[in-house]
C-alpha atoms as a PDB file:
ATOM      1  CA  MET A   1      -8.534 -14.750  30.307  1.00  0.00           C
ATOM      2  CA  ALA A   2      -7.660 -11.246  29.224  1.00  0.00           C
ATOM      3  CA  THR A   3      -7.833 -10.411  25.541  1.00  0.00           C
ATOM      4  CA  LYS A   4      -5.026  -8.554  23.851  1.00  0.00           C
ATOM      5  CA  LYS A   5      -5.897  -4.942  23.141  1.00  0.00           C
ATOM      6  CA  LYS A   6      -5.329  -3.878  19.522  1.00  0.00           C
ATOM      7  CA  THR A   7      -2.907  -1.034  18.980  1.00  0.00           C
ATOM      8  CA  SER A   8      -2.006   1.109  15.982  1.00  0.00           C
ATOM      9  CA  THR A   9       0.947  -1.203  15.349  1.00  0.00           C
ATOM     10  CA  ASP A  10      -1.533  -3.968  14.502  1.00  0.00           C
ATOM     11  CA  VAL A  11      -2.342  -2.195  11.217  1.00  0.00           C
ATOM     12  CA  ILE A  12      -0.277  -2.439   8.056  1.00  0.00           C
ATOM     13  CA  THR A  13       0.006   1.014   6.459  1.00  0.00           C
ATOM     14  CA  PRO A  14      -1.495   1.671   3.043  1.00  0.00           C
ATOM     15  CA  ALA A  15       1.949   2.071   1.443  1.00  0.00           C
ATOM     16  CA  ALA A  16       3.329  -1.113   2.987  1.00  0.00           C
ATOM     17  CA  LEU A  17       0.185  -2.970   1.935  1.00  0.00           C
ATOM     18  CA  VAL A  18       0.328  -2.017  -1.745  1.00  0.00           C
ATOM     19  CA  ILE A  19       4.071  -2.649  -1.911  1.00  0.00           C
ATOM     20  CA  GLN A  20       3.501  -6.095  -0.434  1.00  0.00           C
ATOM     21  CA  LEU A  21       0.496  -6.920  -2.645  1.00  0.00           C
ATOM     22  CA  PHE A  22       2.323  -6.030  -5.845  1.00  0.00           C
ATOM     23  CA  GLY A  23       5.530  -7.876  -4.989  1.00  0.00           C
ATOM     24  CA  GLY A  24       7.806  -5.069  -3.830  1.00  0.00           C
ATOM     25  CA  SER A  25       8.651  -1.465  -4.611  1.00  0.00           C
ATOM     26  CA  TYR A  26      10.504  -2.239  -7.851  1.00  0.00           C
ATOM     27  CA  PRO A  27       7.734  -4.277  -9.541  1.00  0.00           C
ATOM     28  CA  LEU A  28       5.107  -1.785  -8.381  1.00  0.00           C
ATOM     29  CA  ALA A  29       7.087   1.185  -9.697  1.00  0.00           C
ATOM     30  CA  ARG A  30       7.444  -0.524 -13.077  1.00  0.00           C
ATOM     31  CA  LYS A  31       3.716  -1.242 -13.257  1.00  0.00           C
ATOM     32  CA  LEU A  32       2.923   2.407 -12.444  1.00  0.00           C
ATOM     33  CA  ASP A  33       5.555   3.707 -14.896  1.00  0.00           C
ATOM     34  CA  ILE A  34       7.502   5.361 -12.094  1.00  0.00           C
ATOM     35  CA  VAL A  35      11.160   5.597 -13.130  1.00  0.00           C
ATOM     36  CA  ALA A  36      12.751   5.324  -9.676  1.00  0.00           C
ATOM     37  CA  HIS A  37      11.517   2.472  -7.486  1.00  0.00           C
ATOM     38  CA  THR A  38      12.834   4.390  -4.494  1.00  0.00           C
ATOM     39  CA  THR A  39       9.924   6.782  -5.009  1.00  0.00           C
ATOM     40  CA  VAL A  40       7.523   3.969  -4.163  1.00  0.00           C
ATOM     41  CA  ARG A  41       9.710   2.695  -1.329  1.00  0.00           C
ATOM     42  CA  ASN A  42       9.770   6.177   0.186  1.00  0.00           C
ATOM     43  CA  TRP A  43       5.984   6.339   0.440  1.00  0.00           C
ATOM     44  CA  GLY A  44       6.261   4.319   3.606  1.00  0.00           C
ATOM     45  CA  MET A  45       9.223   6.220   4.970  1.00  0.00           C
ATOM     46  CA  ASN A  46       8.579   9.895   4.229  1.00  0.00           C
ATOM     47  CA  ASN A  47       4.831   9.930   3.980  1.00  0.00           C
ATOM     48  CA  GLY A  48       3.779   8.232   7.188  1.00  0.00           C
ATOM     49  CA  GLY A  49       2.808   5.169   5.201  1.00  0.00           C
ATOM     50  CA  CYS A  50       0.357   7.021   2.965  1.00  0.00           C
ATOM     51  CA  VAL A  51      -0.111   6.378  -0.737  1.00  0.00           C
ATOM     52  CA  PRO A  52      -0.078   9.635  -2.737  1.00  0.00           C
ATOM     53  CA  SER A  53      -3.617  10.403  -3.875  1.00  0.00           C
ATOM     54  CA  HIS A  54      -2.617  10.888  -7.499  1.00  0.00           C
ATOM     55  CA  HIS A  55      -1.646   7.186  -7.674  1.00  0.00           C
ATOM     56  CA  MET A  56      -4.755   5.743  -6.017  1.00  0.00           C
ATOM     57  CA  ARG A  57      -6.908   5.372  -9.126  1.00  0.00           C
ATOM     58  CA  ALA A  58      -4.084   3.662 -11.049  1.00  0.00           C
ATOM     59  CA  LEU A  59      -3.488   1.298  -8.127  1.00  0.00           C
ATOM     60  CA  LEU A  60      -7.159   0.322  -7.934  1.00  0.00           C
ATOM     61  CA  GLU A  61      -7.317  -0.272 -11.698  1.00  0.00           C
ATOM     62  CA  LEU A  62      -4.083  -2.271 -11.653  1.00  0.00           C
ATOM     63  CA  ALA A  63      -5.283  -4.377  -8.716  1.00  0.00           C
ATOM     64  CA  LYS A  64      -8.541  -5.159 -10.513  1.00  0.00           C
ATOM     65  CA  LYS A  65      -6.661  -6.063 -13.705  1.00  0.00           C
ATOM     66  CA  GLU A  66      -4.303  -8.388 -11.813  1.00  0.00           C
ATOM     67  CA  GLY A  67      -6.972  -9.947  -9.589  1.00  0.00           C
ATOM     68  CA  ILE A  68      -5.583  -8.409  -6.390  1.00  0.00           C
ATOM     69  CA  LYS A  69      -8.061  -7.559  -3.643  1.00  0.00           C
ATOM     70  CA  LEU A  70      -7.545  -3.866  -2.911  1.00  0.00           C
ATOM     71  CA  THR A  71     -10.173  -1.348  -1.850  1.00  0.00           C
ATOM     72  CA  GLU A  72     -10.384   2.411  -1.508  1.00  0.00           C
ATOM     73  CA  ARG A  73     -10.462   1.896   2.242  1.00  0.00           C
ATOM     74  CA  ASP A  74      -7.184  -0.074   2.087  1.00  0.00           C
ATOM     75  CA  LEU A  75      -5.524   2.874   0.338  1.00  0.00           C
ATOM     76  CA  ILE A  76      -6.616   5.286   3.040  1.00  0.00           C
ATOM     77  CA  TYR A  77      -6.510   3.290   6.278  1.00  0.00           C
ATOM     78  CA  GLY A  78      -4.438   0.178   5.546  1.00  0.00           C
ATOM     79  CA  ARG A  79      -5.487  -3.228   6.907  1.00  0.00           C
ATOM     80  CA  PRO A  80      -5.277  -5.086  10.182  1.00  0.00           C
ATOM     81  CA  ASN A  81      -2.003  -6.936  10.378  1.00  0.00           C
END
């Protein structure tokens, strides 16, 4: 039997991952004190799925505080889907 070859579409982007882990763009924006939740939503659309570096430390601290498993690697590369 042939095994399915993994492709880049088998990875959830860093932005999509953090939005999912924190319950959506609106709750995440509120937790990061970002006024417009569309800013967070646009990370995945305008940024190629990247999380802006100036938010990474806050995201890691927030994840630790809320008991969410999130690593530095997740914020850079995403996770397998």
